[in-house]
Amino acid sequence: MTGTPLTKANSLPGNLLRRCHQISVAIFLRQCEAYNLTQLQYVILSALDELGSLDQITLGGYTALDRNTVAVVVRKLEERGLVTRRRNPEDRRSMLVTLTEAGEALRMEAEAAVLQAQDEILGPLDEEERDTLCRLLQRLADENNALSRVPIRNKG
């Protein structure tokens, strides 16, 4: 049984990560349903809250999102009044994204639900296993960053 192609495929690390991502997204959406917030929207709001106004390309670099995804997520946030976009006065080709007071308030209000989602995702693990998993995932992300289609660019 363990040698069947499907069993092998379902146990491949990449497939397990994909399944865990699906689960993570489902849990996040359920926990943050009251805020009508996705993981990508939350990370964009968080980046703007921490770093201030950024052009969309820089924002994508800090959040490991490609320019098309950033544009779609920012447009949806703008439609809700959570961010504003305007031409960058230093580079008229780029759009500067700014967190609004409503966006900052929503991010802060949603933080408890976001943390609850993370706790639920890690629910099957004890504290030591949680720490180990997060440490290993961080290492995989950091050490394979350059292999990504959209590598994360560190602040600094």
Protein backbone atom coordinates (compact mmCIF):
# COMPACT_ATOMS: atom_id res chain seq x y z
CA MET A 1 0.00 0.00 0.00
CA THR A 2 2.76 2.46 0.86
CA GLY A 3 4.30 1.94 -2.58
CA THR A 4 1.30 3.03 -4.66
CA PRO A 5 1.80 6.10 -6.84
CA LEU A 6 -0.98 8.13 -5.18
CA THR A 7 0.24 7.32 -1.67
CA LYS A 8 3.76 8.35 -2.70
CA ALA A 9 2.50 11.54 -4.34
CA ASN A 10 0.39 12.45 -1.31
CA SER A 11 3.43 12.12 0.95
CA LEU A 12 5.76 14.33 -1.12
CA PRO A 13 6.86 17.43 0.86
CA GLY A 14 5.65 19.81 -1.85
CA ASN A 15 2.21 18.21 -1.89
CA LEU A 16 2.01 18.22 1.91
CA LEU A 17 2.91 21.93 1.92
CA ARG A 18 0.20 22.56 -0.71
CA ARG A 19 -2.39 20.73 1.39
CA CYS A 20 -1.33 22.58 4.52
CA HIS A 21 -1.61 25.86 2.60
CA GLN A 22 -5.18 24.97 1.57
CA ILE A 23 -6.03 24.19 5.18
CA SER A 24 -4.35 27.37 6.39
CA VAL A 25 -6.32 29.52 3.94
CA ALA A 26 -9.62 27.87 4.90
CA ILE A 27 -8.98 28.37 8.63
CA PHE A 28 -7.86 31.98 8.12
CA LEU A 29 -10.93 32.85 6.05
CA ARG A 30 -13.25 31.29 8.62
CA GLN A 31 -11.58 33.02 11.58
CA CYS A 32 -11.47 36.39 9.78
CA GLU A 33 -14.88 36.14 8.12
CA ALA A 34 -16.27 38.94 10.29
CA TYR A 35 -13.55 41.25 8.95
CA ASN A 36 -13.93 40.13 5.31
CA LEU A 37 -10.15 39.72 5.24
CA THR A 38 -7.83 37.34 3.39
CA GLN A 39 -4.28 36.37 4.37
CA LEU A 40 -2.88 38.46 1.51
CA GLN A 41 -4.92 41.49 2.51
CA TYR A 42 -3.76 41.12 6.10
CA VAL A 43 -0.09 40.91 5.13
CA ILE A 44 -0.43 44.02 2.91
CA LEU A 45 -2.13 45.96 5.73
CA SER A 46 0.57 44.76 8.15
CA ALA A 47 3.40 45.84 5.85
CA LEU A 48 1.90 49.30 5.36
CA ASP A 49 1.24 49.63 9.09
CA GLU A 50 4.86 48.80 9.90
CA LEU A 51 6.67 50.47 7.00
CA GLY A 52 4.43 53.38 6.04
CA SER A 53 3.52 54.33 2.47
CA LEU A 54 5.20 52.21 -0.19
CA ASP A 55 5.07 51.95 -3.95
CA GLN A 56 3.34 48.77 -5.12
CA ILE A 57 6.53 47.12 -6.39
CA THR A 58 8.36 47.66 -3.10
CA LEU A 59 5.28 46.47 -1.23
CA GLY A 60 5.33 43.29 -3.30
CA GLY A 61 9.00 42.80 -2.53
CA TYR A 62 8.44 42.97 1.22
CA THR A 63 5.46 40.61 1.08
CA ALA A 64 6.72 38.18 -1.61
CA LEU A 65 3.80 38.98 -3.90
CA ASP A 66 4.09 39.52 -7.65
CA ARG A 67 3.08 42.88 -9.10
CA ASN A 68 -0.24 41.60 -10.50
CA THR A 69 -1.28 40.08 -7.16
CA VAL A 70 -0.30 43.25 -5.28
CA ALA A 71 -2.31 45.35 -7.72
CA VAL A 72 -5.44 43.18 -7.29
CA VAL A 73 -5.17 43.02 -3.49
CA VAL A 74 -4.49 46.77 -3.18
CA ARG A 75 -7.41 47.60 -5.49
CA LYS A 76 -9.76 45.53 -3.30
CA LEU A 77 -8.43 47.20 -0.15
CA GLU A 78 -8.82 50.62 -1.80
CA GLU A 79 -12.43 49.85 -2.74
CA ARG A 80 -13.09 49.24 0.97
CA GLY A 81 -11.37 52.47 2.00
CA LEU A 82 -8.59 50.62 3.82
CA VAL A 83 -5.77 52.03 1.67
CA THR A 84 -5.34 54.89 -0.77
CA ARG A 85 -3.34 54.89 -3.97
CA ARG A 86 -1.83 57.87 -5.73
CA ARG A 87 0.92 58.52 -8.21
CA ASN A 88 4.32 58.51 -6.57
CA PRO A 89 5.63 62.10 -6.76
CA GLU A 90 9.20 60.75 -6.92
CA ASP A 91 8.43 58.31 -9.76
CA ARG A 92 5.25 59.09 -11.73
CA ARG A 93 5.29 55.56 -13.20
CA SER A 94 4.59 53.97 -9.81
CA MET A 95 1.66 54.02 -7.42
CA LEU A 96 2.17 54.91 -3.77
CA VAL A 97 -0.03 52.91 -1.38
CA THR A 98 -0.94 54.36 2.02
CA LEU A 99 -2.80 52.75 4.90
CA THR A 100 -5.89 54.70 5.96
CA GLU A 101 -7.08 55.06 9.54
CA ALA A 102 -9.85 52.57 8.72
CA GLY A 103 -7.24 50.12 7.39
CA GLU A 104 -5.10 50.44 10.50
CA ALA A 105 -8.15 50.00 12.73
CA LEU A 106 -9.30 46.90 10.82
CA ARG A 107 -5.85 45.32 10.98
CA MET A 108 -5.71 45.88 14.72
CA GLU A 109 -9.28 44.62 15.24
CA ALA A 110 -8.57 41.48 13.19
CA GLU A 111 -5.29 40.68 14.98
CA ALA A 112 -6.90 38.46 17.62
CA ALA A 113 -8.73 36.47 14.92
CA VAL A 114 -5.50 36.17 12.91
CA LEU A 115 -3.67 34.83 15.96
CA GLN A 116 -6.56 32.46 16.66
CA ALA A 117 -6.29 31.17 13.10
CA GLN A 118 -2.57 30.50 13.59
CA ASP A 119 -3.33 28.68 16.83
CA GLU A 120 -5.95 26.55 15.08
CA ILE A 121 -3.59 25.74 12.20
CA LEU A 122 -1.03 24.49 14.72
CA GLY A 123 -3.70 22.86 16.91
CA PRO A 124 -2.62 19.24 16.35
CA LEU A 125 0.89 20.03 17.64
CA ASP A 126 2.20 20.53 21.16
CA GLU A 127 4.22 23.66 22.03
CA GLU A 128 7.61 22.13 21.25
CA GLU A 129 6.37 20.73 17.93
CA ARG A 130 4.90 24.14 17.03
CA ASP A 131 8.23 25.85 17.71
CA THR A 132 10.11 23.21 15.72
CA LEU A 133 7.72 23.38 12.76
CA CYS A 134 7.81 27.19 12.61
CA ARG A 135 11.61 27.21 12.91
CA LEU A 136 11.92 24.65 10.09
CA LEU A 137 9.40 26.42 7.86
CA GLN A 138 11.25 29.71 8.39
CA ARG A 139 14.52 28.01 7.47
CA LEU A 140 12.99 26.51 4.32
CA ALA A 141 11.56 29.89 3.33
CA ASP A 142 14.78 31.78 4.08
CA GLU A 143 17.21 29.33 2.50
CA ASN A 144 15.06 28.75 -0.61
CA ASN A 145 14.03 32.41 -0.99
CA ALA A 146 16.15 32.94 -4.11
CA LEU A 147 14.40 30.00 -5.79
CA SER A 148 10.98 31.67 -5.51
CA ARG A 149 9.28 33.30 -8.48
CA VAL A 150 8.78 36.23 -6.10
CA PRO A 151 11.54 36.26 -3.48
CA ILE A 152 10.91 38.30 -0.37
CA ARG A 153 13.05 41.39 -0.04
CA ASN A 154 14.10 42.12 3.51
CA LYS A 155 13.66 45.55 5.03
CA GLY A 156 16.77 47.54 5.47
